[in-house]
Amino acid sequence: MSQGKATLLSWLQQGWWVFLFCSLIGLTYLHALKSRNAALDEMAYRFREMEKEQMLALQEKDDLQMRIASRQDPAWIEMVLMREIGVVPEGWIKVHFKGS
């Protein structure tokens, strides 16, 4: 029994640096893994935000293309005149509201 304790004690005295080295490598690896996961989360968030921006830009593009295409439509021209300038077609009654 004392022979086994002596061997273990001898190994600990001679090989303590191996344990320390492996511990430092393990801690370094865990830190790098945590940093990598944080970077991946940040990139995934940015990617989702860019997809949202892309979708909004495509919707705006489609809306603008429809507005350009409808410029020759008489109903669209009448609607713009009514909305922007306040022109009322013949036979319609124009109502003005006074502010309080």
PDB file of N, CA and C in Angstrom:
ATOM      1  N   MET A   1       0.818  -1.176   0.000  1.00  0.00           N
ATOM      2  CA  MET A   1       0.000   0.000   0.000  1.00  0.00           C
ATOM      3  C   MET A   1       0.869   1.250   0.000  1.00  0.00           C
ATOM      4  N   SER A   2       1.910   1.233   0.797  1.00  0.00           N
ATOM      5  CA  SER A   2       2.756   2.407   0.855  1.00  0.00           C
ATOM      6  C   SER A   2       3.551   2.552  -0.426  1.00  0.00           C
ATOM      7  N   GLN A   3       3.810   1.447  -1.111  1.00  0.00           N
ATOM      8  CA  GLN A   3       4.500   1.493  -2.406  1.00  0.00           C
ATOM      9  C   GLN A   3       3.617   2.227  -3.424  1.00  0.00           C
ATOM     10  N   GLY A   4       2.309   1.974  -3.415  1.00  0.00           N
ATOM     11  CA  GLY A   4       1.379   2.634  -4.329  1.00  0.00           C
ATOM     12  C   GLY A   4       1.269   4.120  -4.046  1.00  0.00           C
ATOM     13  N   LYS A   5       1.249   4.482  -2.761  1.00  0.00           N
ATOM     14  CA  LYS A   5       1.191   5.897  -2.392  1.00  0.00           C
ATOM     15  C   LYS A   5       2.462   6.612  -2.809  1.00  0.00           C
ATOM     16  N   ALA A   6       3.558   5.945  -2.666  1.00  0.00           N
ATOM     17  CA  ALA A   6       4.839   6.554  -3.038  1.00  0.00           C
ATOM     18  C   ALA A   6       4.893   6.772  -4.543  1.00  0.00           C
ATOM     19  N   THR A   7       4.382   5.818  -5.309  1.00  0.00           N
ATOM     20  CA  THR A   7       4.385   5.953  -6.761  1.00  0.00           C
ATOM     21  C   THR A   7       3.465   7.099  -7.190  1.00  0.00           C
ATOM     22  N   LEU A   8       2.307   7.176  -6.583  1.00  0.00           N
ATOM     23  CA  LEU A   8       1.365   8.248  -6.906  1.00  0.00           C
ATOM     24  C   LEU A   8       1.943   9.607  -6.534  1.00  0.00           C
ATOM     25  N   LEU A   9       2.538   9.695  -5.372  1.00  0.00           N
ATOM     26  CA  LEU A   9       3.145  10.938  -4.931  1.00  0.00           C
ATOM     27  C   LEU A   9       4.299  11.334  -5.844  1.00  0.00           C
ATOM     28  N   SER A  10       5.071  10.362  -6.261  1.00  0.00           N
ATOM     29  CA  SER A  10       6.187  10.627  -7.171  1.00  0.00           C
ATOM     30  C   SER A  10       5.660  11.135  -8.517  1.00  0.00           C
ATOM     31  N   TRP A  11       4.588  10.532  -9.000  1.00  0.00           N
ATOM     32  CA  TRP A  11       4.014  10.953 -10.283  1.00  0.00           C
ATOM     33  C   TRP A  11       3.466  12.373 -10.182  1.00  0.00           C
ATOM     34  N   LEU A  12       2.794  12.696  -9.072  1.00  0.00           N
ATOM     35  CA  LEU A  12       2.255  14.039  -8.886  1.00  0.00           C
ATOM     36  C   LEU A  12       3.364  15.078  -8.809  1.00  0.00           C
ATOM     37  N   GLN A  13       4.457  14.731  -8.169  1.00  0.00           N
ATOM     38  CA  GLN A  13       5.565  15.675  -8.059  1.00  0.00           C
ATOM     39  C   GLN A  13       6.240  15.901  -9.408  1.00  0.00           C
ATOM     40  N   GLN A  14       6.297  14.883 -10.222  1.00  0.00           N
ATOM     41  CA  GLN A  14       6.978  15.013 -11.506  1.00  0.00           C
ATOM     42  C   GLN A  14       6.041  15.467 -12.630  1.00  0.00           C
ATOM     43  N   GLY A  15       4.756  15.163 -12.525  1.00  0.00           N
ATOM     44  CA  GLY A  15       3.855  15.429 -13.653  1.00  0.00           C
ATOM     45  C   GLY A  15       2.812  16.487 -13.394  1.00  0.00           C
ATOM     46  N   TRP A  16       3.005  17.328 -12.402  1.00  0.00           N
ATOM     47  CA  TRP A  16       2.023  18.367 -12.111  1.00  0.00           C
ATOM     48  C   TRP A  16       1.842  19.316 -13.283  1.00  0.00           C
ATOM     49  N   TRP A  17       2.894  19.532 -14.032  1.00  0.00           N
ATOM     50  CA  TRP A  17       2.837  20.472 -15.153  1.00  0.00           C
ATOM     51  C   TRP A  17       1.945  19.947 -16.276  1.00  0.00           C
ATOM     52  N   VAL A  18       1.855  18.610 -16.395  1.00  0.00           N
ATOM     53  CA  VAL A  18       0.978  18.029 -17.424  1.00  0.00           C
ATOM     54  C   VAL A  18      -0.479  18.366 -17.098  1.00  0.00           C
ATOM     55  N   PHE A  19      -0.833  18.193 -15.834  1.00  0.00           N
ATOM     56  CA  PHE A  19      -2.193  18.522 -15.408  1.00  0.00           C
ATOM     57  C   PHE A  19      -2.478  20.007 -15.616  1.00  0.00           C
ATOM     58  N   LEU A  20      -1.551  20.861 -15.233  1.00  0.00           N
ATOM     59  CA  LEU A  20      -1.712  22.298 -15.401  1.00  0.00           C
ATOM     60  C   LEU A  20      -1.843  22.670 -16.875  1.00  0.00           C
ATOM     61  N   PHE A  21      -1.008  22.082 -17.722  1.00  0.00           N
ATOM     62  CA  PHE A  21      -1.050  22.354 -19.159  1.00  0.00           C
ATOM     63  C   PHE A  21      -2.396  21.942 -19.754  1.00  0.00           C
ATOM     64  N   CYS A  22      -2.855  20.741 -19.408  1.00  0.00           N
ATOM     65  CA  CYS A  22      -4.149  20.269 -19.934  1.00  0.00           C
ATOM     66  C   CYS A  22      -5.297  21.155 -19.443  1.00  0.00           C
ATOM     67  N   SER A  23      -5.224  21.607 -18.202  1.00  0.00           N
ATOM     68  CA  SER A  23      -6.262  22.494 -17.670  1.00  0.00           C
ATOM     69  C   SER A  23      -6.278  23.825 -18.418  1.00  0.00           C
ATOM     70  N   LEU A  24      -5.096  24.386 -18.664  1.00  0.00           N
ATOM     71  CA  LEU A  24      -5.029  25.651 -19.403  1.00  0.00           C
ATOM     72  C   LEU A  24      -5.545  25.497 -20.828  1.00  0.00           C
ATOM     73  N   ILE A  25      -5.202  24.403 -21.482  1.00  0.00           N
ATOM     74  CA  ILE A  25      -5.696  24.148 -22.842  1.00  0.00           C
ATOM     75  C   ILE A  25      -7.219  24.025 -22.825  1.00  0.00           C
ATOM     76  N   GLY A  26      -7.756  23.311 -21.844  1.00  0.00           N
ATOM     77  CA  GLY A  26      -9.207  23.155 -21.738  1.00  0.00           C
ATOM     78  C   GLY A  26      -9.912  24.480 -21.521  1.00  0.00           C
ATOM     79  N   LEU A  27      -9.379  25.306 -20.635  1.00  0.00           N
ATOM     80  CA  LEU A  27      -9.986  26.615 -20.384  1.00  0.00           C
ATOM     81  C   LEU A  27      -9.911  27.512 -21.616  1.00  0.00           C
ATOM     82  N   THR A  28      -8.781  27.463 -22.312  1.00  0.00           N
ATOM     83  CA  THR A  28      -8.636  28.254 -23.537  1.00  0.00           C
ATOM     84  C   THR A  28      -9.649  27.805 -24.585  1.00  0.00           C
ATOM     85  N   TYR A  29      -9.826  26.499 -24.715  1.00  0.00           N
ATOM     86  CA  TYR A  29     -10.783  25.958 -25.681  1.00  0.00           C
ATOM     87  C   TYR A  29     -12.207  26.408 -25.335  1.00  0.00           C
ATOM     88  N   LEU A  30     -12.585  26.316 -24.065  1.00  0.00           N
ATOM     89  CA  LEU A  30     -13.935  26.717 -23.661  1.00  0.00           C
ATOM     90  C   LEU A  30     -14.177  28.205 -23.902  1.00  0.00           C
ATOM     91  N   HIS A  31     -13.162  29.021 -23.644  1.00  0.00           N
ATOM     92  CA  HIS A  31     -13.295  30.460 -23.897  1.00  0.00           C
ATOM     93  C   HIS A  31     -13.471  30.731 -25.396  1.00  0.00           C
ATOM     94  N   ALA A  32     -12.685  30.054 -26.220  1.00  0.00           N
ATOM     95  CA  ALA A  32     -12.793  30.235 -27.674  1.00  0.00           C
ATOM     96  C   ALA A  32     -14.156  29.769 -28.174  1.00  0.00           C
ATOM     97  N   LEU A  33     -14.651  28.676 -27.623  1.00  0.00           N
ATOM     98  CA  LEU A  33     -15.960  28.155 -28.018  1.00  0.00           C
ATOM     99  C   LEU A  33     -17.068  29.145 -27.653  1.00  0.00           C
ATOM    100  N   LYS A  34     -16.969  29.743 -26.467  1.00  0.00           N
ATOM    101  CA  LYS A  34     -17.964  30.734 -26.044  1.00  0.00           C
ATOM    102  C   LYS A  34     -17.922  31.964 -26.950  1.00  0.00           C
ATOM    103  N   SER A  35     -16.728  32.410 -27.290  1.00  0.00           N
ATOM    104  CA  SER A  35     -16.588  33.570 -28.180  1.00  0.00           C
ATOM    105  C   SER A  35     -17.152  33.266 -29.562  1.00  0.00           C
ATOM    106  N   ARG A  36     -16.883  32.074 -30.061  1.00  0.00           N
ATOM    107  CA  ARG A  36     -17.392  31.685 -31.378  1.00  0.00           C
ATOM    108  C   ARG A  36     -18.914  31.643 -31.384  1.00  0.00           C
ATOM    109  N   ASN A  37     -19.505  31.081 -30.343  1.00  0.00           N
ATOM    110  CA  ASN A  37     -20.966  31.011 -30.274  1.00  0.00           C
ATOM    111  C   ASN A  37     -21.586  32.400 -30.191  1.00  0.00           C
ATOM    112  N   ALA A  38     -20.950  33.303 -29.462  1.00  0.00           N
ATOM    113  CA  ALA A  38     -21.455  34.677 -29.390  1.00  0.00           C
ATOM    114  C   ALA A  38     -21.380  35.346 -30.759  1.00  0.00           C
ATOM    115  N   ALA A  39     -20.297  35.118 -31.482  1.00  0.00           N
ATOM    116  CA  ALA A  39     -20.159  35.700 -32.823  1.00  0.00           C
ATOM    117  C   ALA A  39     -21.201  35.111 -33.771  1.00  0.00           C
ATOM    118  N   LEU A  40     -21.449  33.809 -33.670  1.00  0.00           N
ATOM    119  CA  LEU A  40     -22.466  33.180 -34.520  1.00  0.00           C
ATOM    120  C   LEU A  40     -23.856  33.733 -34.220  1.00  0.00           C
ATOM    121  N   ASP A  41     -24.163  33.936 -32.943  1.00  0.00           N
ATOM    122  CA  ASP A  41     -25.459  34.512 -32.578  1.00  0.00           C
ATOM    123  C   ASP A  41     -25.609  35.922 -33.143  1.00  0.00           C
ATOM    124  N   GLU A  42     -24.551  36.713 -33.053  1.00  0.00           N
ATOM    125  CA  GLU A  42     -24.581  38.081 -33.587  1.00  0.00           C
ATOM    126  C   GLU A  42     -24.789  38.070 -35.100  1.00  0.00           C
ATOM    127  N   MET A  43     -24.095  37.170 -35.789  1.00  0.00           N
ATOM    128  CA  MET A  43     -24.247  37.094 -37.251  1.00  0.00           C
ATOM    129  C   MET A  43     -25.639  36.617 -37.644  1.00  0.00           C
ATOM    130  N   ALA A  44     -26.197  35.678 -36.888  1.00  0.00           N
ATOM    131  CA  ALA A  44     -27.552  35.204 -37.183  1.00  0.00           C
ATOM    132  C   ALA A  44     -28.563  36.331 -36.992  1.00  0.00           C
ATOM    133  N   TYR A  45     -28.385  37.128 -35.939  1.00  0.00           N
ATOM    134  CA  TYR A  45     -29.273  38.275 -35.703  1.00  0.00           C
ATOM    135  C   TYR A  45     -29.175  39.274 -36.851  1.00  0.00           C
ATOM    136  N   ARG A  46     -27.949  39.592 -37.251  1.00  0.00           N
ATOM    137  CA  ARG A  46     -27.760  40.539 -38.360  1.00  0.00           C
ATOM    138  C   ARG A  46     -28.373  39.999 -39.648  1.00  0.00           C
ATOM    139  N   PHE A  47     -28.236  38.706 -39.885  1.00  0.00           N
ATOM    140  CA  PHE A  47     -28.799  38.098 -41.092  1.00  0.00           C
ATOM    141  C   PHE A  47     -30.320  38.226 -41.098  1.00  0.00           C
ATOM    142  N   ARG A  48     -30.955  37.955 -39.947  1.00  0.00           N
ATOM    143  CA  ARG A  48     -32.422  38.095 -39.873  1.00  0.00           C
ATOM    144  C   ARG A  48     -32.850  39.538 -40.116  1.00  0.00           C
ATOM    145  N   GLU A  49     -32.102  40.490 -39.559  1.00  0.00           N
ATOM    146  CA  GLU A  49     -32.423  41.901 -39.773  1.00  0.00           C
ATOM    147  C   GLU A  49     -32.262  42.281 -41.245  1.00  0.00           C
ATOM    148  N   MET A  50     -31.230  41.764 -41.887  1.00  0.00           N
ATOM    149  CA  MET A  50     -31.019  42.065 -43.309  1.00  0.00           C
ATOM    150  C   MET A  50     -32.122  41.452 -44.161  1.00  0.00           C
ATOM    151  N   GLU A  51     -32.595  40.262 -43.786  1.00  0.00           N
ATOM    152  CA  GLU A  51     -33.704  39.660 -44.524  1.00  0.00           C
ATOM    153  C   GLU A  51     -34.965  40.513 -44.389  1.00  0.00           C
ATOM    154  N   LYS A  52     -35.215  41.043 -43.181  1.00  0.00           N
ATOM    155  CA  LYS A  52     -36.376  41.922 -42.987  1.00  0.00           C
ATOM    156  C   LYS A  52     -36.249  43.175 -43.848  1.00  0.00           C
ATOM    157  N   GLU A  53     -35.057  43.772 -43.853  1.00  0.00           N
ATOM    158  CA  GLU A  53     -34.840  44.969 -44.666  1.00  0.00           C
ATOM    159  C   GLU A  53     -35.014  44.663 -46.147  1.00  0.00           C
ATOM    160  N   GLN A  54     -34.545  43.495 -46.570  1.00  0.00           N
ATOM    161  CA  GLN A  54     -34.684  43.112 -47.975  1.00  0.00           C
ATOM    162  C   GLN A  54     -36.161  42.963 -48.329  1.00  0.00           C
ATOM    163  N   MET A  55     -36.934  42.337 -47.444  1.00  0.00           N
ATOM    164  CA  MET A  55     -38.356  42.152 -47.718  1.00  0.00           C
ATOM    165  C   MET A  55     -39.065  43.503 -47.816  1.00  0.00           C
ATOM    166  N   LEU A  56     -38.740  44.420 -46.908  1.00  0.00           N
ATOM    167  CA  LEU A  56     -39.355  45.751 -46.967  1.00  0.00           C
ATOM    168  C   LEU A  56     -38.959  46.489 -48.240  1.00  0.00           C
ATOM    169  N   ALA A  57     -37.703  46.362 -48.651  1.00  0.00           N
ATOM    170  CA  ALA A  57     -37.246  47.027 -49.872  1.00  0.00           C
ATOM    171  C   ALA A  57     -37.948  46.442 -51.096  1.00  0.00           C
ATOM    172  N   LEU A  58     -38.136  45.122 -51.123  1.00  0.00           N
ATOM    173  CA  LEU A  58     -38.838  44.502 -52.251  1.00  0.00           C
ATOM    174  C   LEU A  58     -40.303  44.934 -52.292  1.00  0.00           C
ATOM    175  N   GLN A  59     -40.934  45.049 -51.125  1.00  0.00           N
ATOM    176  CA  GLN A  59     -42.320  45.513 -51.088  1.00  0.00           C
ATOM    177  C   GLN A  59     -42.420  46.950 -51.586  1.00  0.00           C
ATOM    178  N   GLU A  60     -41.480  47.780 -51.166  1.00  0.00           N
ATOM    179  CA  GLU A  60     -41.480  49.171 -51.623  1.00  0.00           C
ATOM    180  C   GLU A  60     -41.233  49.242 -53.128  1.00  0.00           C
ATOM    181  N   LYS A  61     -40.343  48.400 -53.626  1.00  0.00           N
ATOM    182  CA  LYS A  61     -40.060  48.367 -55.065  1.00  0.00           C
ATOM    183  C   LYS A  61     -41.313  47.970 -55.839  1.00  0.00           C
ATOM    184  N   ASP A  62     -42.010  46.926 -55.370  1.00  0.00           N
ATOM    185  CA  ASP A  62     -43.239  46.499 -56.042  1.00  0.00           C
ATOM    186  C   ASP A  62     -44.292  47.603 -56.016  1.00  0.00           C
ATOM    187  N   ASP A  63     -44.412  48.281 -54.877  1.00  0.00           N
ATOM    188  CA  ASP A  63     -45.377  49.376 -54.761  1.00  0.00           C
ATOM    189  C   ASP A  63     -45.049  50.493 -55.745  1.00  0.00           C
ATOM    190  N   LEU A  64     -43.780  50.848 -55.828  1.00  0.00           N
ATOM    191  CA  LEU A  64     -43.379  51.907 -56.758  1.00  0.00           C
ATOM    192  C   LEU A  64     -43.593  51.490 -58.212  1.00  0.00           C
ATOM    193  N   GLN A  65     -43.321  50.232 -58.531  1.00  0.00           N
ATOM    194  CA  GLN A  65     -43.556  49.760 -59.901  1.00  0.00           C
ATOM    195  C   GLN A  65     -45.040  49.809 -60.241  1.00  0.00           C
ATOM    196  N   MET A  66     -45.893  49.460 -59.266  1.00  0.00           N
ATOM    197  CA  MET A  66     -47.331  49.524 -59.520  1.00  0.00           C
ATOM    198  C   MET A  66     -47.784  50.968 -59.697  1.00  0.00           C
ATOM    199  N   ARG A  67     -47.212  51.885 -58.931  1.00  0.00           N
ATOM    200  CA  ARG A  67     -47.572  53.296 -59.074  1.00  0.00           C
ATOM    201  C   ARG A  67     -47.139  53.829 -60.433  1.00  0.00           C
ATOM    202  N   ILE A  68     -45.960  53.441 -60.872  1.00  0.00           N
ATOM    203  CA  ILE A  68     -45.477  53.885 -62.187  1.00  0.00           C
ATOM    204  C   ILE A  68     -46.360  53.318 -63.287  1.00  0.00           C
ATOM    205  N   ALA A  69     -46.727  52.039 -63.170  1.00  0.00           N
ATOM    206  CA  ALA A  69     -47.552  51.400 -64.197  1.00  0.00           C
ATOM    207  C   ALA A  69     -48.959  51.990 -64.239  1.00  0.00           C
ATOM    208  N   SER A  70     -49.455  52.488 -63.109  1.00  0.00           N
ATOM    209  CA  SER A  70     -50.832  52.981 -63.077  1.00  0.00           C
ATOM    210  C   SER A  70     -50.941  54.464 -63.408  1.00  0.00           C
ATOM    211  N   ARG A  71     -49.869  55.109 -63.761  1.00  0.00           N
ATOM    212  CA  ARG A  71     -49.920  56.548 -64.065  1.00  0.00           C
ATOM    213  C   ARG A  71     -50.802  56.849 -65.279  1.00  0.00           C
ATOM    214  N   GLN A  72     -50.991  55.909 -66.155  1.00  0.00           N
ATOM    215  CA  GLN A  72     -51.828  56.120 -67.334  1.00  0.00           C
ATOM    216  C   GLN A  72     -53.291  55.751 -67.072  1.00  0.00           C
ATOM    217  N   ASP A  73     -53.583  55.227 -65.914  1.00  0.00           N
ATOM    218  CA  ASP A  73     -54.940  54.805 -65.576  1.00  0.00           C
ATOM    219  C   ASP A  73     -55.756  56.026 -65.138  1.00  0.00           C
ATOM    220  N   PRO A  74     -56.877  56.316 -65.826  1.00  0.00           N
ATOM    221  CA  PRO A  74     -57.687  57.496 -65.472  1.00  0.00           C
ATOM    222  C   PRO A  74     -58.240  57.439 -64.043  1.00  0.00           C
ATOM    223  N   ALA A  75     -58.584  56.278 -63.572  1.00  0.00           N
ATOM    224  CA  ALA A  75     -59.113  56.168 -62.205  1.00  0.00           C
ATOM    225  C   ALA A  75     -58.031  56.531 -61.190  1.00  0.00           C
ATOM    226  N   TRP A  76     -56.807  56.134 -61.453  1.00  0.00           N
ATOM    227  CA  TRP A  76     -55.697  56.467 -60.554  1.00  0.00           C
ATOM    228  C   TRP A  76     -55.440  57.973 -60.557  1.00  0.00           C
ATOM    229  N   ILE A  77     -55.469  58.573 -61.742  1.00  0.00           N
ATOM    230  CA  ILE A  77     -55.256  60.021 -61.844  1.00  0.00           C
ATOM    231  C   ILE A  77     -56.347  60.761 -61.071  1.00  0.00           C
ATOM    232  N   GLU A  78     -57.587  60.321 -61.210  1.00  0.00           N
ATOM    233  CA  GLU A  78     -58.696  60.951 -60.485  1.00  0.00           C
ATOM    234  C   GLU A  78     -58.511  60.804 -58.973  1.00  0.00           C
ATOM    235  N   MET A  79     -58.083  59.626 -58.529  1.00  0.00           N
ATOM    236  CA  MET A  79     -57.874  59.401 -57.104  1.00  0.00           C
ATOM    237  C   MET A  79     -56.769  60.312 -56.560  1.00  0.00           C
ATOM    238  N   VAL A  80     -55.678  60.464 -57.313  1.00  0.00           N
ATOM    239  CA  VAL A  80     -54.582  61.331 -56.877  1.00  0.00           C
ATOM    240  C   VAL A  80     -55.052  62.774 -56.809  1.00  0.00           C
ATOM    241  N   LEU A  81     -55.813  63.225 -57.800  1.00  0.00           N
ATOM    242  CA  LEU A  81     -56.331  64.594 -57.778  1.00  0.00           C
ATOM    243  C   LEU A  81     -57.239  64.822 -56.572  1.00  0.00           C
ATOM    244  N   MET A  82     -58.050  63.837 -56.248  1.00  0.00           N
ATOM    245  CA  MET A  82     -58.949  63.974 -55.105  1.00  0.00           C
ATOM    246  C   MET A  82     -58.166  63.973 -53.794  1.00  0.00           C
ATOM    247  N   ARG A  83     -57.208  63.099 -53.686  1.00  0.00           N
ATOM    248  CA  ARG A  83     -56.471  62.956 -52.433  1.00  0.00           C
ATOM    249  C   ARG A  83     -55.480  64.095 -52.206  1.00  0.00           C
ATOM    250  N   GLU A  84     -54.723  64.448 -53.210  1.00  0.00           N
ATOM    251  CA  GLU A  84     -53.638  65.413 -53.040  1.00  0.00           C
ATOM    252  C   GLU A  84     -54.104  66.864 -53.173  1.00  0.00           C
ATOM    253  N   ILE A  85     -54.947  67.126 -54.141  1.00  0.00           N
ATOM    254  CA  ILE A  85     -55.316  68.515 -54.425  1.00  0.00           C
ATOM    255  C   ILE A  85     -56.688  68.866 -53.855  1.00  0.00           C
ATOM    256  N   GLY A  86     -57.542  67.883 -53.709  1.00  0.00           N
ATOM    257  CA  GLY A  86     -58.876  68.154 -53.197  1.00  0.00           C
ATOM    258  C   GLY A  86     -59.905  68.373 -54.288  1.00  0.00           C
ATOM    259  N   VAL A  87     -59.579  67.997 -55.519  1.00  0.00           N
ATOM    260  CA  VAL A  87     -60.518  68.140 -56.635  1.00  0.00           C
ATOM    261  C   VAL A  87     -61.656  67.141 -56.439  1.00  0.00           C
ATOM    262  N   VAL A  88     -62.890  67.613 -56.711  1.00  0.00           N
ATOM    263  CA  VAL A  88     -64.062  66.762 -56.564  1.00  0.00           C
ATOM    264  C   VAL A  88     -64.717  66.611 -57.930  1.00  0.00           C
ATOM    265  N   PRO A  89     -65.072  65.391 -58.338  1.00  0.00           N
ATOM    266  CA  PRO A  89     -65.742  65.207 -59.628  1.00  0.00           C
ATOM    267  C   PRO A  89     -67.095  65.921 -59.655  1.00  0.00           C
ATOM    268  N   GLU A  90     -67.553  66.202 -60.867  1.00  0.00           N
ATOM    269  CA  GLU A  90     -68.843  66.881 -61.025  1.00  0.00           C
ATOM    270  C   GLU A  90     -69.946  66.017 -60.441  1.00  0.00           C
ATOM    271  N   GLY A  91     -70.857  66.657 -59.764  1.00  0.00           N
ATOM    272  CA  GLY A  91     -71.972  65.948 -59.161  1.00  0.00           C
ATOM    273  C   GLY A  91     -71.699  65.526 -57.722  1.00  0.00           C
ATOM    274  N   TRP A  92     -70.496  65.630 -57.271  1.00  0.00           N
ATOM    275  CA  TRP A  92     -70.155  65.285 -55.890  1.00  0.00           C
ATOM    276  C   TRP A  92     -70.229  66.541 -55.040  1.00  0.00           C
ATOM    277  N   ILE A  93     -70.476  66.363 -53.776  1.00  0.00           N
ATOM    278  CA  ILE A  93     -70.527  67.494 -52.852  1.00  0.00           C
ATOM    279  C   ILE A  93     -69.242  67.475 -52.029  1.00  0.00           C
ATOM    280  N   LYS A  94     -68.602  68.632 -51.990  1.00  0.00           N
ATOM    281  CA  LYS A  94     -67.368  68.748 -51.221  1.00  0.00           C
ATOM    282  C   LYS A  94     -67.716  69.276 -49.838  1.00  0.00           C
ATOM    283  N   VAL A  95     -67.274  68.583 -48.797  1.00  0.00           N
ATOM    284  CA  VAL A  95     -67.574  68.952 -47.419  1.00  0.00           C
ATOM    285  C   VAL A  95     -66.279  69.397 -46.757  1.00  0.00           C
ATOM    286  N   HIS A  96     -66.313  70.555 -46.097  1.00  0.00           N
ATOM    287  CA  HIS A  96     -65.159  71.082 -45.362  1.00  0.00           C
ATOM    288  C   HIS A  96     -65.454  70.992 -43.871  1.00  0.00           C
ATOM    289  N   PHE A  97     -64.507  70.521 -43.116  1.00  0.00           N
ATOM    290  CA  PHE A  97     -64.638  70.459 -41.663  1.00  0.00           C
ATOM    291  C   PHE A  97     -63.727  71.505 -41.054  1.00  0.00           C
ATOM    292  N   LYS A  98     -64.272  72.260 -40.120  1.00  0.00           N
ATOM    293  CA  LYS A  98     -63.465  73.268 -39.441  1.00  0.00           C
ATOM    294  C   LYS A  98     -62.821  72.629 -38.222  1.00  0.00           C
ATOM    295  N   GLY A  99     -61.567  72.990 -37.989  1.00  0.00           N
ATOM    296  CA  GLY A  99     -60.871  72.492 -36.803  1.00  0.00           C
ATOM    297  C   GLY A  99     -61.387  73.170 -35.553  1.00  0.00           C
ATOM    298  N   SER A 100     -61.239  72.549 -34.404  1.00  0.00           N
ATOM    299  CA  SER A 100     -61.761  73.127 -33.162  1.00  0.00           C
ATOM    300  C   SER A 100     -60.818  74.099 -32.540  1.00  0.00           C
TER     301      SER A 100
END
